[in-house]
Amino acid sequence: MKKRLTTLLLAAGLILGVTGSAEAIEFKAKGIWISMFEYGGGGNFVKEDRQGRNVTGWGRWGEDEFEAKTRVRLQLDAVASENLSGTVYFEMGAFAWGRASKGGALGGDGTIVKIKSAYMDWAIPGTKIKTRMGLQRIHLPDYSSEASQVFDGDVTGVSVNVPVSDNFGVTAFWARPFNDNWGGAEDRPANYLDNVDLFALTIPMTFEGARITPWAMLGIVGENAFRSSDTGKYYGAGYGGGLSPAAYMLDGKEDAYSFGTAFWAGITGEITAADPFRLAWTFNYGSFSTGEKALNKQGWHASLLAEYKLDWGTPGIYGWYSSGDDGNIKNGSERMPSLDYNNESTSGFSGFGQLGTWTIGRDAVLGYTLAGTWGIGARLKDISFIDKLKTTLRVNLYNGTNDAEMARHIKSGAAGVEVPSATYNGYDRDFYSANPNGIYLTEKDYAMEIGMMTTYQIYENLRLLVEANYIALWLDQSSDVWGGFRNARGQWVGANSVEDCWNVNVSFIYRF
């Protein structure tokens, strides 16, 4: 670790050191250091599994109940003018203290330095049209939850922003998330038809006291983009978790041997004309068609937020509804597909159940998106009675929108039933493994989240953050949902012993 950090800082110093010989170029550096300590339990909501084995540690990601972690991000900008610049963004970690595979063991030297972004910004001469090329963060807008339910990720591509007028603009991008990752098979060579290309258009419109942004995105998905070269299964490689059904069953053959088509469209807006009252909403629709009905996915999501800003904080209420599966594993999924979910977004609705922390603390224990759920919540945001001290409080109620029949298909392990997320991650097929990066809630399952986040500004550039979160889960343990059942061999398999999930973390954040 020390050697690699020294090398990185030396490289940065060499870049900055050429300023004298390249007077036209201005070099800027900024970054963020985070050291975090956390303690929690019930990460996958299981105390004892169906075989009676105790779940140890945090319960997910191979972590202990207590973990200490560090992450460093360093951004270097080479600015020639307001019309031309280049950026490279390094990331080290997050690495768990003491874990050799993450570079945190004695002696360090782990391979933990990554390129998070590397792009060039330039303006078309004589115009206000701005272009960004390379590895960059691209995300779709959501003014209510502040976290896209469809796409938000670091991805290679080209984005173009065209300011048409003071109130109207157009932003378009082409991105290539995946290509040349297919290992090949006897009938299809390596790197054959394995690209994923995205084409999107957003139209932000701003008016006095309101803004609204409609958008649409088209995806072209090669037949081998997510396929496993070991098994040949369409969703076997793990990349397409957000596009795949939670469980499916083919008719004995697979016909998905062509380019698949993904499509999303949405509209999001907010009204601030009655400031300090704010109303925001979002509606998204998405579909993914492979040519094989059982592998397809189609659904929608809507959310609404109302809040009122006061001198001491901002109270708000919100709700959402996202379509769920109908219980038939042969006709595809009725949940809204996603490609990359909340990579950098901080959800305004959830600090623990969804991807709600902008640090490196545990979150997203219910899922990276709200697909397959509905819920209501209330929050008190940025409460402050003492200088430099702010607190946000939340309470959320979740209920699944997936048909309870899906639980029987997922847990049974019946011949021909595929549960891609569980298979790829090496988990038993269950409520905690069927949903990529979260749990699968049916219409008979409920959860309540209670959370607090407090920040204190120690210095201008140093912040202390404390989070405490708790999620109570009411899982239907009857035999026709998630309870015990007889497997394909006629043997009785018991129910999981379910427990609630909780976590506390303390983070020190230096930002410059």
Protein backbone atom coordinates (compact mmCIF):
# COMPACT_ATOMS: atom_id res chain seq x y z
CA MET A 1 0.00 0.00 0.00
CA LYS A 2 2.77 2.47 0.98
CA LYS A 3 4.72 1.76 -2.20
CA ARG A 4 1.67 2.20 -4.43
CA LEU A 5 0.54 5.38 -2.69
CA THR A 6 4.07 6.77 -2.94
CA THR A 7 4.13 5.97 -6.66
CA LEU A 8 0.78 7.67 -7.18
CA LEU A 9 1.80 10.81 -5.26
CA LEU A 10 5.13 10.91 -7.13
CA ALA A 11 3.24 10.76 -10.44
CA ALA A 12 0.98 13.56 -9.28
CA GLY A 13 4.03 15.58 -8.23
CA LEU A 14 5.67 15.11 -11.63
CA ILE A 15 2.49 16.27 -13.35
CA LEU A 16 2.22 19.32 -11.13
CA GLY A 17 5.93 19.96 -11.51
CA VAL A 18 5.71 20.64 -15.22
CA THR A 19 3.59 23.74 -14.62
CA GLY A 20 6.56 26.01 -15.16
CA SER A 21 7.29 24.59 -18.62
CA ALA A 22 3.67 24.44 -19.68
CA GLU A 23 2.41 27.81 -18.56
CA ALA A 24 -0.77 27.51 -20.62
CA ILE A 25 -1.91 24.53 -18.56
CA GLU A 26 -3.29 24.94 -15.03
CA PHE A 27 -3.19 21.86 -12.83
CA LYS A 28 -5.73 21.43 -10.05
CA ALA A 29 -6.05 18.70 -7.43
CA LYS A 30 -8.88 17.75 -5.12
CA GLY A 31 -9.76 14.66 -3.17
CA ILE A 32 -11.42 12.99 -0.26
CA TRP A 33 -10.08 10.75 2.53
CA ILE A 34 -12.47 8.62 4.57
CA SER A 35 -11.66 6.48 7.61
CA MET A 36 -14.68 4.63 8.95
CA PHE A 37 -15.49 2.34 11.88
CA GLU A 38 -18.74 0.36 11.99
CA TYR A 39 -20.47 -2.32 14.01
CA GLY A 40 -23.65 -4.19 13.10
CA GLY A 41 -25.49 -7.45 12.67
CA GLY A 42 -28.17 -9.23 10.67
CA GLY A 43 -26.78 -8.19 7.29
CA ASN A 44 -28.83 -10.80 5.41
CA PHE A 45 -31.63 -10.95 8.02
CA VAL A 46 -30.88 -14.61 8.85
CA LYS A 47 -29.79 -15.82 12.31
CA GLU A 48 -29.94 -19.55 11.47
CA ASP A 49 -30.32 -20.84 7.93
CA ARG A 50 -32.58 -23.66 6.73
CA GLN A 51 -29.96 -26.26 7.72
CA GLY A 52 -29.78 -24.88 11.27
CA ARG A 53 -26.36 -23.28 10.79
CA ASN A 54 -25.64 -20.06 12.64
CA VAL A 55 -24.85 -17.07 10.44
CA THR A 56 -21.68 -15.45 11.76
CA GLY A 57 -20.30 -11.93 11.46
CA TRP A 58 -22.18 -9.14 9.77
CA GLY A 59 -24.00 -11.71 7.63
CA ARG A 60 -23.09 -10.37 4.19
CA TRP A 61 -20.02 -9.70 2.03
CA GLY A 62 -17.85 -11.87 4.29
CA GLU A 63 -17.55 -9.09 6.85
CA ASP A 64 -17.23 -9.26 10.63
CA GLU A 65 -19.68 -7.47 12.89
CA PHE A 66 -17.00 -4.81 13.44
CA GLU A 67 -15.03 -3.46 10.50
CA ALA A 68 -12.63 -0.55 10.00
CA LYS A 69 -12.16 0.75 6.44
CA THR A 70 -10.38 3.49 4.51
CA ARG A 71 -10.94 4.93 1.05
CA VAL A 72 -8.99 7.64 -0.76
CA ARG A 73 -10.02 9.44 -3.92
CA LEU A 74 -7.73 11.86 -5.74
CA GLN A 75 -8.78 13.92 -8.77
CA LEU A 76 -6.30 15.73 -11.03
CA ASP A 77 -7.50 18.26 -13.62
CA ALA A 78 -5.33 19.65 -16.42
CA VAL A 79 -7.10 22.84 -17.55
CA ALA A 80 -5.98 24.53 -20.76
CA SER A 81 -8.95 26.93 -20.85
CA GLU A 82 -12.65 27.05 -20.09
CA ASN A 83 -13.07 25.17 -23.38
CA LEU A 84 -10.56 22.35 -22.88
CA SER A 85 -9.52 20.20 -19.92
CA GLY A 86 -8.65 16.65 -18.97
CA THR A 87 -9.41 14.77 -15.73
CA VAL A 88 -8.12 11.60 -14.13
CA TYR A 89 -9.73 10.32 -10.92
CA PHE A 90 -7.88 7.72 -8.82
CA GLU A 91 -9.49 5.59 -6.12
CA MET A 92 -7.72 3.55 -3.44
CA GLY A 93 -9.98 1.13 -1.55
CA ALA A 94 -12.21 0.94 0.19
CA PHE A 95 -9.94 -1.50 2.01
CA ALA A 96 -10.79 -3.21 5.26
CA TRP A 97 -8.11 -2.86 7.89
CA GLY A 98 -6.23 -6.13 8.29
CA ARG A 99 -7.65 -7.82 5.18
CA ALA A 100 -4.82 -8.89 2.86
CA SER A 101 -7.00 -9.26 -0.23
CA LYS A 102 -8.00 -5.61 0.13
CA GLY A 103 -4.49 -4.30 0.76
CA GLY A 104 -5.11 -3.61 4.44
CA ALA A 105 -2.91 -6.31 6.03
CA LEU A 106 0.52 -5.82 7.60
CA GLY A 107 2.90 -4.44 4.98
CA GLY A 108 0.11 -3.27 2.67
CA ASP A 109 1.12 -3.51 -1.00
CA GLY A 110 -2.32 -4.63 -2.14
CA THR A 111 -3.49 -3.89 -5.68
CA ILE A 112 -6.03 -1.32 -4.63
CA VAL A 113 -5.32 1.73 -6.81
CA LYS A 114 -8.03 2.03 -9.46
CA ILE A 115 -8.98 4.50 -12.16
CA LYS A 116 -12.46 5.71 -11.32
CA SER A 117 -12.70 8.28 -14.11
CA ALA A 118 -10.53 9.44 -16.99
CA TYR A 119 -12.08 11.84 -19.46
CA MET A 120 -11.57 14.91 -21.64
CA ASP A 121 -13.89 17.93 -21.69
CA TRP A 122 -13.99 20.22 -24.67
CA ALA A 123 -16.34 22.74 -26.26
CA ILE A 124 -17.07 22.85 -29.97
CA PRO A 125 -15.38 26.06 -31.22
CA GLY A 126 -17.70 29.03 -31.57
CA THR A 127 -20.52 27.34 -29.67
CA LYS A 128 -21.61 26.57 -26.11
CA ILE A 129 -21.87 22.86 -26.88
CA LYS A 130 -19.82 20.86 -24.35
CA THR A 131 -18.51 17.35 -24.94
CA ARG A 132 -17.07 14.81 -22.50
CA MET A 133 -15.23 11.71 -23.74
CA GLY A 134 -13.86 8.75 -21.81
CA LEU A 135 -14.54 6.98 -18.51
CA GLN A 136 -17.03 9.19 -16.66
CA ARG A 137 -20.01 9.15 -14.32
CA ILE A 138 -23.29 9.18 -16.28
CA HIS A 139 -26.67 9.08 -14.57
CA LEU A 140 -30.32 9.65 -15.34
CA PRO A 141 -32.28 12.30 -13.38
CA ASP A 142 -34.61 11.73 -10.43
CA TYR A 143 -35.70 14.85 -8.50
CA SER A 144 -37.77 13.07 -5.87
CA SER A 145 -35.52 10.30 -4.50
CA GLU A 146 -32.35 11.94 -5.91
CA ALA A 147 -31.13 8.48 -6.93
CA SER A 148 -31.79 7.01 -10.37
CA GLN A 149 -33.68 3.72 -10.32
CA VAL A 150 -32.37 2.88 -13.81
CA PHE A 151 -28.79 3.92 -14.51
CA ASP A 152 -26.03 5.65 -12.58
CA GLY A 153 -22.50 4.49 -13.11
CA ASP A 154 -18.90 5.09 -14.07
CA VAL A 155 -18.90 4.11 -17.73
CA THR A 156 -16.96 4.71 -20.93
CA GLY A 157 -18.72 6.86 -23.48
CA VAL A 158 -19.39 10.27 -24.97
CA SER A 159 -21.82 12.81 -23.53
CA VAL A 160 -22.83 16.05 -25.21
CA ASN A 161 -24.65 19.01 -23.64
CA VAL A 162 -26.39 21.52 -25.88
CA PRO A 163 -27.84 24.65 -24.18
CA VAL A 164 -30.62 25.66 -26.57
CA SER A 165 -31.85 28.64 -24.49
CA ASP A 166 -31.85 29.91 -20.92
CA ASN A 167 -34.79 27.59 -20.13
CA PHE A 168 -34.17 24.64 -22.42
CA GLY A 169 -31.33 22.25 -23.09
CA VAL A 170 -30.53 18.86 -24.56
CA THR A 171 -28.08 16.28 -23.24
CA ALA A 172 -27.29 13.11 -25.16
CA PHE A 173 -24.88 10.27 -24.55
CA TRP A 174 -23.59 7.04 -26.01
CA ALA A 175 -22.07 4.65 -23.49
CA ARG A 176 -20.51 1.21 -23.77
CA PRO A 177 -20.76 -0.53 -20.38
CA PHE A 178 -19.62 -3.96 -21.61
CA ASN A 179 -17.67 -5.38 -24.53
CA ASP A 180 -15.15 -8.19 -25.16
CA ASN A 181 -15.84 -10.01 -21.88
CA TRP A 182 -17.33 -13.22 -23.32
CA GLY A 183 -14.92 -16.12 -22.89
CA GLY A 184 -16.32 -18.11 -25.78
CA ALA A 185 -17.84 -21.55 -26.33
CA GLU A 186 -17.73 -24.23 -29.01
CA ASP A 187 -20.41 -22.67 -31.21
CA ARG A 188 -19.59 -19.01 -30.48
CA PRO A 189 -16.02 -17.60 -30.39
CA ALA A 190 -14.69 -15.38 -27.62
CA ASN A 191 -15.76 -11.71 -27.69
CA TYR A 192 -18.54 -12.51 -30.16
CA LEU A 193 -21.76 -10.45 -29.87
CA ASP A 194 -21.03 -9.47 -26.27
CA ASN A 195 -21.28 -5.68 -26.43
CA VAL A 196 -23.80 -3.50 -24.59
CA ASP A 197 -24.42 -0.03 -26.02
CA LEU A 198 -26.64 2.67 -24.54
CA PHE A 199 -28.06 5.71 -26.34
CA ALA A 200 -29.89 8.32 -24.28
CA LEU A 201 -31.47 11.75 -24.55
CA THR A 202 -32.52 14.05 -21.71
CA ILE A 203 -34.30 17.39 -22.15
CA PRO A 204 -33.96 19.54 -19.01
CA MET A 205 -36.39 22.46 -18.92
CA THR A 206 -36.21 25.16 -16.26
CA PHE A 207 -38.88 27.76 -15.54
CA GLU A 208 -39.48 30.22 -12.74
CA GLY A 209 -40.39 28.10 -9.75
CA ALA A 210 -40.29 24.77 -11.59
CA ARG A 211 -38.15 22.39 -13.60
CA ILE A 212 -38.97 19.24 -15.52
CA THR A 213 -36.83 16.72 -17.41
CA PRO A 214 -38.19 14.03 -19.74
CA TRP A 215 -35.70 11.42 -20.89
CA ALA A 216 -35.37 8.17 -22.82
CA MET A 217 -32.65 5.53 -23.18
CA LEU A 218 -32.21 2.69 -25.66
CA GLY A 219 -29.93 -0.27 -25.00
CA ILE A 220 -28.60 -2.83 -27.47
CA VAL A 221 -27.44 -6.02 -25.73
CA GLY A 222 -25.42 -8.73 -27.45
CA GLU A 223 -26.52 -12.33 -26.91
CA ASN A 224 -23.31 -13.15 -25.00
CA ALA A 225 -22.96 -9.92 -23.01
CA PHE A 226 -24.10 -11.51 -19.74
CA ARG A 227 -23.67 -15.17 -20.63
CA SER A 228 -21.44 -17.52 -18.66
CA SER A 229 -18.87 -19.35 -20.75
CA ASP A 230 -18.90 -22.12 -18.12
CA THR A 231 -22.64 -22.85 -18.16
CA GLY A 232 -23.84 -21.04 -21.28
CA LYS A 233 -26.72 -19.52 -19.29
CA TYR A 234 -27.90 -16.12 -20.51
CA TYR A 235 -27.54 -14.38 -17.13
CA GLY A 236 -24.68 -16.55 -15.88
CA ALA A 237 -21.86 -13.97 -15.79
CA GLY A 238 -23.43 -11.69 -13.18
CA TYR A 239 -23.19 -8.46 -15.17
CA GLY A 240 -26.89 -8.26 -16.02
CA GLY A 241 -28.36 -8.68 -12.53
CA GLY A 242 -30.64 -5.68 -12.86
CA LEU A 243 -31.98 -6.92 -16.21
CA SER A 244 -32.61 -10.53 -15.23
CA PRO A 245 -35.79 -11.95 -13.66
CA ALA A 246 -35.43 -13.06 -10.04
CA ALA A 247 -36.42 -16.56 -11.15
CA TYR A 248 -37.34 -18.05 -14.51
CA MET A 249 -38.02 -21.39 -16.19
CA LEU A 250 -37.39 -22.12 -19.86
CA ASP A 251 -39.42 -24.52 -21.99
CA GLY A 252 -36.47 -26.84 -22.46
CA LYS A 253 -34.59 -24.69 -24.93
CA GLU A 254 -33.28 -21.15 -25.17
CA ASP A 255 -34.01 -18.98 -28.19
CA ALA A 256 -32.18 -15.84 -27.03
CA TYR A 257 -29.51 -15.92 -29.72
CA SER A 258 -29.70 -12.40 -31.07
CA PHE A 259 -29.33 -8.84 -29.88
CA GLY A 260 -31.65 -7.96 -27.00
CA THR A 261 -33.34 -4.58 -26.79
CA ALA A 262 -33.64 -2.55 -23.62
CA PHE A 263 -35.72 0.62 -23.43
CA TRP A 264 -36.43 3.09 -20.66
CA ALA A 265 -38.33 6.38 -20.59
CA GLY A 266 -39.17 8.70 -17.76
CA ILE A 267 -40.11 12.15 -16.60
CA THR A 268 -39.12 13.88 -13.39
CA GLY A 269 -39.88 17.33 -12.09
CA GLU A 270 -40.17 19.64 -9.13
CA ILE A 271 -42.17 22.74 -8.18
CA THR A 272 -40.60 25.36 -5.94
CA ALA A 273 -42.88 28.30 -6.84
CA ALA A 274 -44.38 28.17 -3.35
CA ASP A 275 -40.93 28.24 -1.69
CA PRO A 276 -40.17 27.09 1.01
CA PHE A 277 -42.60 24.32 -0.06
CA ARG A 278 -41.21 21.86 -2.60
CA LEU A 279 -43.02 19.13 -4.52
CA ALA A 280 -41.08 16.60 -6.61
CA TRP A 281 -42.10 13.54 -8.60
CA THR A 282 -40.69 10.83 -10.86
CA PHE A 283 -42.14 8.28 -13.25
CA ASN A 284 -40.02 5.63 -15.00
CA TYR A 285 -40.88 2.79 -17.39
CA GLY A 286 -38.49 0.12 -18.59
CA SER A 287 -38.39 -3.09 -20.61
CA PHE A 288 -35.85 -5.64 -21.76
CA SER A 289 -36.63 -8.06 -24.58
CA THR A 290 -34.29 -10.95 -25.38
CA GLY A 291 -36.32 -12.99 -27.87
CA GLU A 292 -37.02 -15.55 -25.12
CA LYS A 293 -40.18 -14.74 -23.14
CA ALA A 294 -39.02 -16.22 -19.83
CA LEU A 295 -35.86 -14.07 -19.87
CA ASN A 296 -37.64 -10.76 -20.49
CA LYS A 297 -38.40 -7.99 -18.01
CA GLN A 298 -40.83 -5.07 -18.03
CA GLY A 299 -42.12 -2.74 -15.32
CA TRP A 300 -42.51 0.78 -13.95
CA HIS A 301 -41.73 2.95 -10.94
CA ALA A 302 -43.25 6.18 -9.57
CA SER A 303 -42.43 8.33 -6.54
CA LEU A 304 -43.63 11.58 -4.94
CA LEU A 305 -42.01 13.89 -2.37
CA ALA A 306 -43.42 16.90 -0.49
CA GLU A 307 -41.24 18.92 1.90
CA TYR A 308 -41.23 22.29 3.64
CA LYS A 309 -38.02 24.10 4.54
CA LEU A 310 -37.90 25.77 7.96
CA ASP A 311 -35.15 27.67 9.73
CA TRP A 312 -34.18 24.63 11.80
CA GLY A 313 -34.63 21.86 9.21
CA THR A 314 -36.76 20.44 6.42
CA PRO A 315 -39.62 18.05 7.27
CA GLY A 316 -40.90 15.93 4.37
CA ILE A 317 -43.12 13.01 3.45
CA TYR A 318 -42.79 10.73 0.44
CA GLY A 319 -44.01 7.55 -1.14
CA TRP A 320 -43.30 5.24 -4.06
CA TYR A 321 -44.78 2.33 -5.98
CA SER A 322 -42.85 -0.05 -8.22
CA SER A 323 -44.41 -2.91 -10.14
CA GLY A 324 -43.78 -6.50 -9.06
CA ASP A 325 -43.68 -10.05 -10.44
CA ASP A 326 -46.97 -11.85 -11.14
CA GLY A 327 -45.89 -15.33 -9.94
CA ASN A 328 -45.48 -16.91 -13.40
CA ILE A 329 -41.82 -17.79 -13.96
CA LYS A 330 -42.35 -18.68 -17.63
CA ASN A 331 -43.52 -15.26 -18.85
CA GLY A 332 -40.63 -13.06 -17.70
CA SER A 333 -40.50 -10.49 -14.90
CA GLU A 334 -42.87 -7.60 -14.25
CA ARG A 335 -40.34 -5.59 -12.22
CA MET A 336 -38.65 -2.58 -13.82
CA PRO A 337 -35.22 -3.48 -15.19
CA SER A 338 -32.09 -1.48 -14.36
CA LEU A 339 -28.54 -1.64 -15.60
CA ASP A 340 -26.39 0.07 -13.02
CA TYR A 341 -28.05 1.29 -9.87
CA ASN A 342 -27.13 4.22 -7.68
CA ASN A 343 -23.40 3.96 -8.10
CA GLU A 344 -22.81 7.45 -6.74
CA SER A 345 -26.32 8.70 -5.94
CA THR A 346 -27.34 9.24 -2.35
CA SER A 347 -30.98 8.28 -1.94
CA GLY A 348 -33.08 10.94 -0.25
CA PHE A 349 -35.56 8.27 0.83
CA SER A 350 -33.32 5.77 2.62
CA GLY A 351 -30.03 5.84 4.47
CA PHE A 352 -29.66 2.08 4.99
CA GLY A 353 -32.26 0.04 3.13
CA GLN A 354 -31.26 1.60 -0.19
CA LEU A 355 -27.96 3.08 -1.32
CA GLY A 356 -28.22 6.01 1.03
CA THR A 357 -24.77 6.83 2.35
CA TRP A 358 -22.20 8.88 0.49
CA THR A 359 -19.43 7.40 2.63
CA ILE A 360 -18.32 3.75 2.70
CA GLY A 361 -20.71 2.57 5.42
CA ARG A 362 -23.04 -0.38 4.99
CA ASP A 363 -26.24 0.27 3.09
CA ALA A 364 -28.52 -1.14 0.36
CA VAL A 365 -29.44 -4.09 2.60
CA LEU A 366 -32.94 -4.16 1.08
CA GLY A 367 -31.78 -3.44 -2.46
CA TYR A 368 -29.98 -1.04 -4.77
CA THR A 369 -33.32 -0.02 -6.26
CA LEU A 370 -36.94 0.08 -5.06
CA ALA A 371 -38.07 -2.36 -7.77
CA GLY A 372 -40.73 -4.78 -6.56
CA THR A 373 -41.76 -2.68 -3.54
CA TRP A 374 -44.07 0.11 -2.48
CA GLY A 375 -43.72 2.25 0.58
CA ILE A 376 -44.21 5.48 2.46
CA GLY A 377 -41.80 7.45 4.58
CA ALA A 378 -41.16 10.62 6.53
CA ARG A 379 -37.97 12.50 7.28
CA LEU A 380 -36.63 15.50 9.14
CA LYS A 381 -33.71 16.66 7.03
CA ASP A 382 -30.73 18.79 8.12
CA ILE A 383 -32.02 19.55 11.61
CA SER A 384 -29.69 22.15 13.12
CA PHE A 385 -29.91 24.05 16.40
CA ILE A 386 -26.13 24.15 16.99
CA ASP A 387 -23.58 25.65 14.63
CA LYS A 388 -21.77 23.10 12.44
CA LEU A 389 -24.05 20.25 13.63
CA LYS A 390 -26.75 18.73 11.38
CA THR A 391 -28.97 15.68 11.79
CA THR A 392 -31.36 13.83 9.48
CA LEU A 393 -33.99 11.41 10.82
CA ARG A 394 -35.99 8.94 8.69
CA VAL A 395 -38.67 6.29 9.10
CA ASN A 396 -39.84 4.13 6.15
CA LEU A 397 -42.39 1.35 5.74
CA TYR A 398 -41.80 -1.16 2.90
CA ASN A 399 -44.09 -3.78 1.41
CA GLY A 400 -43.33 -6.05 -1.54
CA THR A 401 -45.37 -5.93 -4.74
CA ASN A 402 -44.24 -9.36 -5.95
CA ASP A 403 -46.75 -12.20 -5.95
CA ALA A 404 -46.21 -14.56 -3.01
CA GLU A 405 -46.11 -17.50 -5.43
CA MET A 406 -42.63 -16.33 -6.45
CA ALA A 407 -41.29 -17.35 -3.03
CA ARG A 408 -42.22 -20.97 -3.67
CA HIS A 409 -40.44 -20.97 -7.03
CA ILE A 410 -37.32 -19.30 -5.62
CA LYS A 411 -36.82 -21.52 -2.57
CA SER A 412 -37.87 -24.86 -4.05
CA GLY A 413 -34.79 -25.59 -6.13
CA ALA A 414 -37.04 -27.44 -8.58
CA ALA A 415 -35.50 -28.78 -11.78
CA GLY A 416 -35.40 -26.18 -14.54
CA VAL A 417 -35.94 -23.18 -12.26
CA GLU A 418 -33.10 -20.67 -12.48
CA VAL A 419 -32.36 -18.01 -9.83
CA PRO A 420 -29.47 -16.13 -11.50
CA SER A 421 -28.42 -13.90 -8.60
CA ALA A 422 -28.21 -16.78 -6.13
CA THR A 423 -26.34 -19.02 -8.57
CA TYR A 424 -23.78 -16.40 -9.52
CA ASN A 425 -23.03 -15.43 -5.90
CA GLY A 426 -22.95 -19.03 -4.67
CA TYR A 427 -25.87 -18.62 -2.24
CA ASP A 428 -28.80 -20.88 -1.44
CA ARG A 429 -31.95 -19.85 -3.28
CA ASP A 430 -33.88 -17.72 -0.83
CA PHE A 431 -35.36 -14.30 -0.08
CA TYR A 432 -31.90 -12.85 0.65
CA SER A 433 -30.30 -14.02 -2.60
CA ALA A 434 -32.93 -13.74 -5.37
CA ASN A 435 -32.72 -9.94 -5.61
CA PRO A 436 -29.31 -8.65 -6.78
CA ASN A 437 -27.71 -6.70 -3.94
CA GLY A 438 -30.70 -6.91 -1.61
CA ILE A 439 -33.64 -9.04 -0.55
CA TYR A 440 -36.81 -10.12 -2.38
CA LEU A 441 -40.06 -8.99 -0.74
CA THR A 442 -43.45 -10.44 -1.68
CA GLU A 443 -46.82 -8.79 -1.12
CA LYS A 444 -46.96 -10.63 2.23
CA ASP A 445 -43.62 -9.30 3.51
CA TYR A 446 -43.02 -5.99 5.29
CA ALA A 447 -40.06 -4.03 6.60
CA MET A 448 -39.64 -0.85 8.65
CA GLU A 449 -36.51 1.28 8.55
CA ILE A 450 -35.52 3.78 11.24
CA GLY A 451 -32.37 5.80 10.70
CA MET A 452 -30.33 8.76 11.88
CA MET A 453 -27.40 10.55 10.28
CA THR A 454 -25.51 13.31 12.10
CA THR A 455 -22.60 15.39 10.79
CA TYR A 456 -20.32 17.77 12.64
CA GLN A 457 -17.89 20.09 10.85
CA ILE A 458 -14.71 19.79 12.93
CA TYR A 459 -12.65 21.97 10.59
CA GLU A 460 -13.46 23.58 7.27
CA ASN A 461 -12.29 20.45 5.46
CA LEU A 462 -12.83 17.78 8.12
CA ARG A 463 -16.24 16.34 8.94
CA LEU A 464 -17.38 13.77 11.48
CA LEU A 465 -20.33 11.63 10.40
CA VAL A 466 -22.28 9.26 12.66
CA GLU A 467 -25.02 6.95 11.35
CA ALA A 468 -27.29 4.59 13.25
CA ASN A 469 -29.84 2.47 11.36
CA TYR A 470 -32.26 -0.35 12.15
CA ILE A 471 -34.54 -2.40 9.88
CA ALA A 472 -37.25 -4.64 11.30
CA LEU A 473 -38.34 -7.38 8.88
CA TRP A 474 -41.70 -9.16 9.00
CA LEU A 475 -41.22 -12.09 6.61
CA ASP A 476 -44.12 -14.42 5.91
CA GLN A 477 -42.87 -17.78 7.18
CA SER A 478 -45.90 -19.83 6.15
CA SER A 479 -45.10 -22.89 4.06
CA ASP A 480 -46.57 -21.43 0.86
CA VAL A 481 -44.31 -18.35 1.09
CA TRP A 482 -40.84 -18.36 2.75
CA GLY A 483 -41.42 -21.06 5.40
CA GLY A 484 -40.44 -24.73 5.41
CA PHE A 485 -41.14 -26.93 2.38
CA ARG A 486 -40.55 -30.35 0.84
CA ASN A 487 -37.83 -30.33 -1.75
CA ALA A 488 -37.78 -32.23 -5.04
CA ARG A 489 -36.57 -35.36 -3.20
CA GLY A 490 -39.47 -35.22 -0.75
CA GLN A 491 -37.28 -34.11 2.15
CA TRP A 492 -38.52 -31.49 4.59
CA VAL A 493 -36.47 -28.28 4.62
CA GLY A 494 -37.04 -26.00 7.59
CA ALA A 495 -37.54 -22.24 7.63
CA ASN A 496 -34.85 -19.66 8.22
CA SER A 497 -34.63 -18.10 11.67
CA VAL A 498 -35.06 -14.43 10.71
CA GLU A 499 -33.56 -11.50 12.61
CA ASP A 500 -33.58 -7.72 12.19
CA CYS A 501 -30.69 -5.80 10.66
CA TRP A 502 -28.83 -2.92 12.28
CA ASN A 503 -25.61 -0.96 11.93
CA VAL A 504 -23.75 1.97 13.47
CA ASN A 505 -20.85 3.70 11.75
CA VAL A 506 -18.53 6.59 12.59
CA SER A 507 -16.66 8.23 9.69
CA PHE A 508 -13.97 10.89 9.56
CA ILE A 509 -14.06 12.66 6.21
CA TYR A 510 -11.33 14.99 4.92
CA ARG A 511 -12.27 16.75 1.72
CA PHE A 512 -10.20 19.34 -0.14
